[in-house]
Amino acid sequence: MAADDLATYLKTLVSVTSEPQRFVAHSHGCNVVEHARICPKLDHRVYNKQPVYLACPRVISAHSGEPLYPLGPGKFGVIHNFYSEKDPV
């Protein structure tokens, strides 16, 4: 799964540098980042203060009508999500 691969990559990254992580993701790449954020493989040192999401489609449960994961708390600070309300997707 892409989120597992991203979590593994970030674990390697934080072990070799103290540079802050900066995420800019587009479309379903935002969902990959969100799933990586809650992945058990993600190293506790990974933290992104202000990720930027461009046109992030929210994944909604067909059963409950609620998002499958919350945007925000945990490994990220403020999430900037840019989208168009006129986009039918």
N, C-alpha and C. Protein backbone atom coordinates (compact mmCIF):
# COMPACT_ATOMS: atom_id res chain seq x y z
N MET A 1 0.85 -1.17 0.00
CA MET A 1 0.00 0.00 0.00
C MET A 1 0.90 1.24 0.00
N ALA A 2 0.50 2.25 -0.73
CA ALA A 2 1.32 3.46 -0.88
C ALA A 2 1.58 4.15 0.47
N ALA A 3 0.60 4.15 1.35
CA ALA A 3 0.78 4.81 2.66
C ALA A 3 1.85 4.09 3.49
N ASP A 4 1.89 2.78 3.42
CA ASP A 4 2.93 2.02 4.13
C ASP A 4 4.31 2.35 3.57
N ASP A 5 4.39 2.43 2.24
CA ASP A 5 5.67 2.78 1.61
C ASP A 5 6.12 4.18 2.01
N LEU A 6 5.17 5.12 2.06
CA LEU A 6 5.52 6.49 2.47
C LEU A 6 5.97 6.51 3.93
N ALA A 7 5.28 5.80 4.80
CA ALA A 7 5.67 5.75 6.22
C ALA A 7 7.07 5.17 6.38
N THR A 8 7.37 4.13 5.62
CA THR A 8 8.70 3.51 5.66
C THR A 8 9.76 4.48 5.16
N TYR A 9 9.48 5.18 4.07
CA TYR A 9 10.41 6.17 3.52
C TYR A 9 10.66 7.29 4.54
N LEU A 10 9.60 7.78 5.17
CA LEU A 10 9.76 8.86 6.15
C LEU A 10 10.55 8.40 7.37
N LYS A 11 10.39 7.14 7.74
CA LYS A 11 11.17 6.59 8.85
C LYS A 11 12.66 6.63 8.51
N THR A 12 12.99 6.27 7.28
CA THR A 12 14.38 6.32 6.82
C THR A 12 14.86 7.77 6.78
N LEU A 13 14.02 8.65 6.29
CA LEU A 13 14.38 10.05 6.15
C LEU A 13 14.72 10.69 7.50
N VAL A 14 13.89 10.47 8.52
CA VAL A 14 14.16 11.10 9.81
C VAL A 14 15.36 10.49 10.52
N SER A 15 15.78 9.32 10.07
CA SER A 15 16.97 8.72 10.68
C SER A 15 18.28 9.29 10.12
N VAL A 16 18.20 9.98 8.98
CA VAL A 16 19.42 10.51 8.36
C VAL A 16 19.49 12.04 8.31
N THR A 17 18.39 12.72 8.67
CA THR A 17 18.40 14.18 8.64
C THR A 17 17.48 14.74 9.71
N SER A 18 17.81 15.93 10.17
CA SER A 18 16.94 16.62 11.12
C SER A 18 16.12 17.70 10.43
N GLU A 19 16.21 17.76 9.11
CA GLU A 19 15.42 18.73 8.35
C GLU A 19 13.93 18.46 8.58
N PRO A 20 13.11 19.52 8.66
CA PRO A 20 11.67 19.30 8.83
C PRO A 20 11.06 18.70 7.57
N GLN A 21 10.03 17.93 7.74
CA GLN A 21 9.32 17.36 6.60
C GLN A 21 8.28 18.38 6.12
N ARG A 22 8.15 18.49 4.81
CA ARG A 22 7.15 19.37 4.24
C ARG A 22 6.39 18.59 3.18
N PHE A 23 5.07 18.51 3.35
CA PHE A 23 4.25 17.75 2.41
C PHE A 23 3.39 18.69 1.59
N VAL A 24 3.45 18.51 0.29
CA VAL A 24 2.52 19.13 -0.63
C VAL A 24 1.97 17.98 -1.46
N ALA A 25 0.67 17.76 -1.36
CA ALA A 25 0.07 16.61 -2.03
C ALA A 25 -1.13 17.06 -2.86
N HIS A 26 -1.37 16.33 -3.93
CA HIS A 26 -2.48 16.66 -4.83
C HIS A 26 -3.40 15.46 -4.98
N SER A 27 -4.68 15.72 -5.02
CA SER A 27 -5.71 14.72 -5.28
C SER A 27 -5.59 13.54 -4.31
N HIS A 28 -5.57 12.33 -4.82
CA HIS A 28 -5.53 11.17 -3.93
C HIS A 28 -4.17 11.00 -3.25
N GLY A 29 -3.16 11.76 -3.69
CA GLY A 29 -1.91 11.78 -2.95
C GLY A 29 -2.12 12.29 -1.53
N CYS A 30 -3.12 13.15 -1.35
CA CYS A 30 -3.47 13.65 -0.01
C CYS A 30 -3.95 12.49 0.86
N ASN A 31 -4.72 11.59 0.28
CA ASN A 31 -5.22 10.44 1.02
C ASN A 31 -4.08 9.51 1.41
N VAL A 32 -3.08 9.39 0.53
CA VAL A 32 -1.90 8.58 0.86
C VAL A 32 -1.19 9.17 2.06
N VAL A 33 -1.00 10.50 2.05
CA VAL A 33 -0.34 11.16 3.17
C VAL A 33 -1.16 10.99 4.45
N GLU A 34 -2.47 11.15 4.37
CA GLU A 34 -3.33 10.99 5.54
C GLU A 34 -3.26 9.57 6.11
N HIS A 35 -3.29 8.58 5.25
CA HIS A 35 -3.20 7.19 5.72
C HIS A 35 -1.82 6.91 6.31
N ALA A 36 -0.78 7.49 5.73
CA ALA A 36 0.57 7.32 6.29
C ALA A 36 0.65 7.95 7.68
N ARG A 37 -0.06 9.06 7.87
CA ARG A 37 -0.06 9.75 9.16
C ARG A 37 -0.56 8.86 10.29
N ILE A 38 -1.51 7.98 9.99
CA ILE A 38 -2.08 7.11 11.03
C ILE A 38 -1.53 5.69 10.96
N CYS A 39 -0.56 5.47 10.09
CA CYS A 39 0.04 4.14 9.91
C CYS A 39 0.92 3.79 11.12
N PRO A 40 0.78 2.58 11.67
CA PRO A 40 1.62 2.17 12.79
C PRO A 40 3.12 2.17 12.46
N LYS A 41 3.47 2.06 11.18
CA LYS A 41 4.88 2.05 10.78
C LYS A 41 5.52 3.43 10.86
N LEU A 42 4.71 4.49 10.96
CA LEU A 42 5.25 5.85 10.93
C LEU A 42 6.05 6.13 12.20
N ASP A 43 7.27 6.58 12.02
CA ASP A 43 8.17 6.89 13.13
C ASP A 43 7.62 8.06 13.95
N HIS A 44 7.76 7.98 15.25
CA HIS A 44 7.25 9.03 16.14
C HIS A 44 7.93 10.38 15.91
N ARG A 45 9.08 10.40 15.26
CA ARG A 45 9.79 11.65 15.00
C ARG A 45 9.25 12.41 13.79
N VAL A 46 8.41 11.77 12.99
CA VAL A 46 7.86 12.43 11.81
C VAL A 46 6.78 13.42 12.26
N TYR A 47 6.96 14.67 11.87
CA TYR A 47 5.97 15.70 12.19
C TYR A 47 5.99 16.73 11.07
N ASN A 48 4.83 17.11 10.60
CA ASN A 48 4.71 18.12 9.56
C ASN A 48 3.85 19.25 10.10
N LYS A 49 4.45 20.42 10.24
CA LYS A 49 3.75 21.54 10.86
C LYS A 49 2.60 22.07 10.02
N GLN A 50 2.80 22.16 8.70
CA GLN A 50 1.77 22.75 7.84
C GLN A 50 1.71 22.06 6.49
N PRO A 51 1.14 20.86 6.41
CA PRO A 51 1.01 20.22 5.09
C PRO A 51 0.04 21.01 4.20
N VAL A 52 0.28 20.94 2.92
CA VAL A 52 -0.57 21.62 1.95
C VAL A 52 -1.21 20.56 1.07
N TYR A 53 -2.53 20.57 1.02
CA TYR A 53 -3.28 19.63 0.18
C TYR A 53 -3.96 20.42 -0.93
N LEU A 54 -3.86 19.91 -2.14
CA LEU A 54 -4.49 20.54 -3.30
C LEU A 54 -5.56 19.61 -3.84
N ALA A 55 -6.80 20.04 -3.78
CA ALA A 55 -7.95 19.28 -4.30
C ALA A 55 -8.01 17.87 -3.72
N CYS A 56 -7.97 17.79 -2.41
CA CYS A 56 -8.00 16.50 -1.72
C CYS A 56 -9.43 15.96 -1.66
N PRO A 57 -9.69 14.84 -2.32
CA PRO A 57 -11.02 14.24 -2.19
C PRO A 57 -11.12 13.55 -0.82
N ARG A 58 -12.15 13.84 -0.08
CA ARG A 58 -12.36 13.21 1.22
C ARG A 58 -12.99 11.84 0.99
N VAL A 59 -12.50 10.84 1.66
CA VAL A 59 -13.04 9.49 1.55
C VAL A 59 -14.11 9.35 2.63
N ILE A 60 -15.35 9.17 2.20
CA ILE A 60 -16.50 9.10 3.10
C ILE A 60 -17.00 7.66 3.18
N SER A 61 -17.30 7.20 4.38
CA SER A 61 -17.83 5.86 4.59
C SER A 61 -19.23 5.75 4.00
N ALA A 62 -19.46 4.73 3.18
CA ALA A 62 -20.78 4.51 2.63
C ALA A 62 -21.77 4.12 3.73
N HIS A 63 -21.26 3.52 4.79
CA HIS A 63 -22.11 3.07 5.89
C HIS A 63 -22.55 4.21 6.80
N SER A 64 -21.60 5.02 7.26
CA SER A 64 -21.92 6.05 8.24
C SER A 64 -22.07 7.45 7.64
N GLY A 65 -21.51 7.67 6.45
CA GLY A 65 -21.52 9.00 5.86
C GLY A 65 -20.48 9.93 6.45
N GLU A 66 -19.62 9.39 7.33
CA GLU A 66 -18.56 10.15 7.99
C GLU A 66 -17.23 9.92 7.28
N PRO A 67 -16.30 10.88 7.39
CA PRO A 67 -14.97 10.66 6.82
C PRO A 67 -14.31 9.42 7.45
N LEU A 68 -13.55 8.66 6.65
CA LEU A 68 -12.88 7.47 7.15
C LEU A 68 -11.72 7.82 8.08
N TYR A 69 -11.22 9.02 8.01
CA TYR A 69 -10.16 9.47 8.91
C TYR A 69 -10.32 10.97 9.09
N PRO A 70 -10.01 11.48 10.25
CA PRO A 70 -10.11 12.93 10.46
C PRO A 70 -8.89 13.63 9.87
N LEU A 71 -9.08 14.80 9.32
CA LEU A 71 -7.95 15.61 8.90
C LEU A 71 -7.39 16.29 10.14
N GLY A 72 -6.13 16.19 10.35
CA GLY A 72 -5.54 17.00 11.39
C GLY A 72 -4.76 16.35 12.50
N PRO A 73 -5.41 16.04 13.62
CA PRO A 73 -4.65 15.75 14.84
C PRO A 73 -3.61 14.66 14.67
N GLY A 74 -2.61 14.71 15.51
CA GLY A 74 -1.58 13.67 15.47
C GLY A 74 -0.27 14.20 14.99
N LYS A 75 0.19 13.70 13.88
CA LYS A 75 1.51 14.03 13.37
C LYS A 75 1.56 15.33 12.57
N PHE A 76 0.42 15.98 12.39
CA PHE A 76 0.39 17.21 11.60
C PHE A 76 -0.12 18.35 12.43
N GLY A 77 0.34 19.55 12.09
CA GLY A 77 -0.19 20.76 12.71
C GLY A 77 -1.41 21.21 11.92
N VAL A 78 -1.37 22.42 11.42
CA VAL A 78 -2.47 22.97 10.64
C VAL A 78 -2.38 22.44 9.21
N ILE A 79 -3.47 21.89 8.71
CA ILE A 79 -3.50 21.40 7.33
C ILE A 79 -4.17 22.46 6.46
N HIS A 80 -3.50 22.83 5.39
CA HIS A 80 -4.07 23.77 4.43
C HIS A 80 -4.62 22.95 3.27
N ASN A 81 -5.94 22.94 3.11
CA ASN A 81 -6.59 22.15 2.07
C ASN A 81 -7.25 23.10 1.08
N PHE A 82 -6.70 23.18 -0.12
CA PHE A 82 -7.23 24.06 -1.15
C PHE A 82 -8.04 23.25 -2.14
N TYR A 83 -9.25 23.70 -2.41
CA TYR A 83 -10.13 22.97 -3.31
C TYR A 83 -11.16 23.94 -3.90
N SER A 84 -11.91 23.47 -4.86
CA SER A 84 -12.98 24.26 -5.46
C SER A 84 -14.31 23.63 -5.10
N GLU A 85 -15.25 24.43 -4.61
CA GLU A 85 -16.58 23.92 -4.30
C GLU A 85 -17.35 23.60 -5.57
N LYS A 86 -16.86 24.04 -6.72
CA LYS A 86 -17.52 23.75 -7.99
C LYS A 86 -17.02 22.46 -8.63
N ASP A 87 -16.00 21.84 -8.02
CA ASP A 87 -15.47 20.58 -8.52
C ASP A 87 -16.42 19.46 -8.14
N PRO A 88 -16.98 18.75 -9.11
CA PRO A 88 -17.97 17.72 -8.80
C PRO A 88 -17.39 16.44 -8.18
N VAL A 89 -16.07 16.31 -8.15
CA VAL A 89 -15.47 15.10 -7.62
C VAL A 89 -15.42 15.15 -6.11
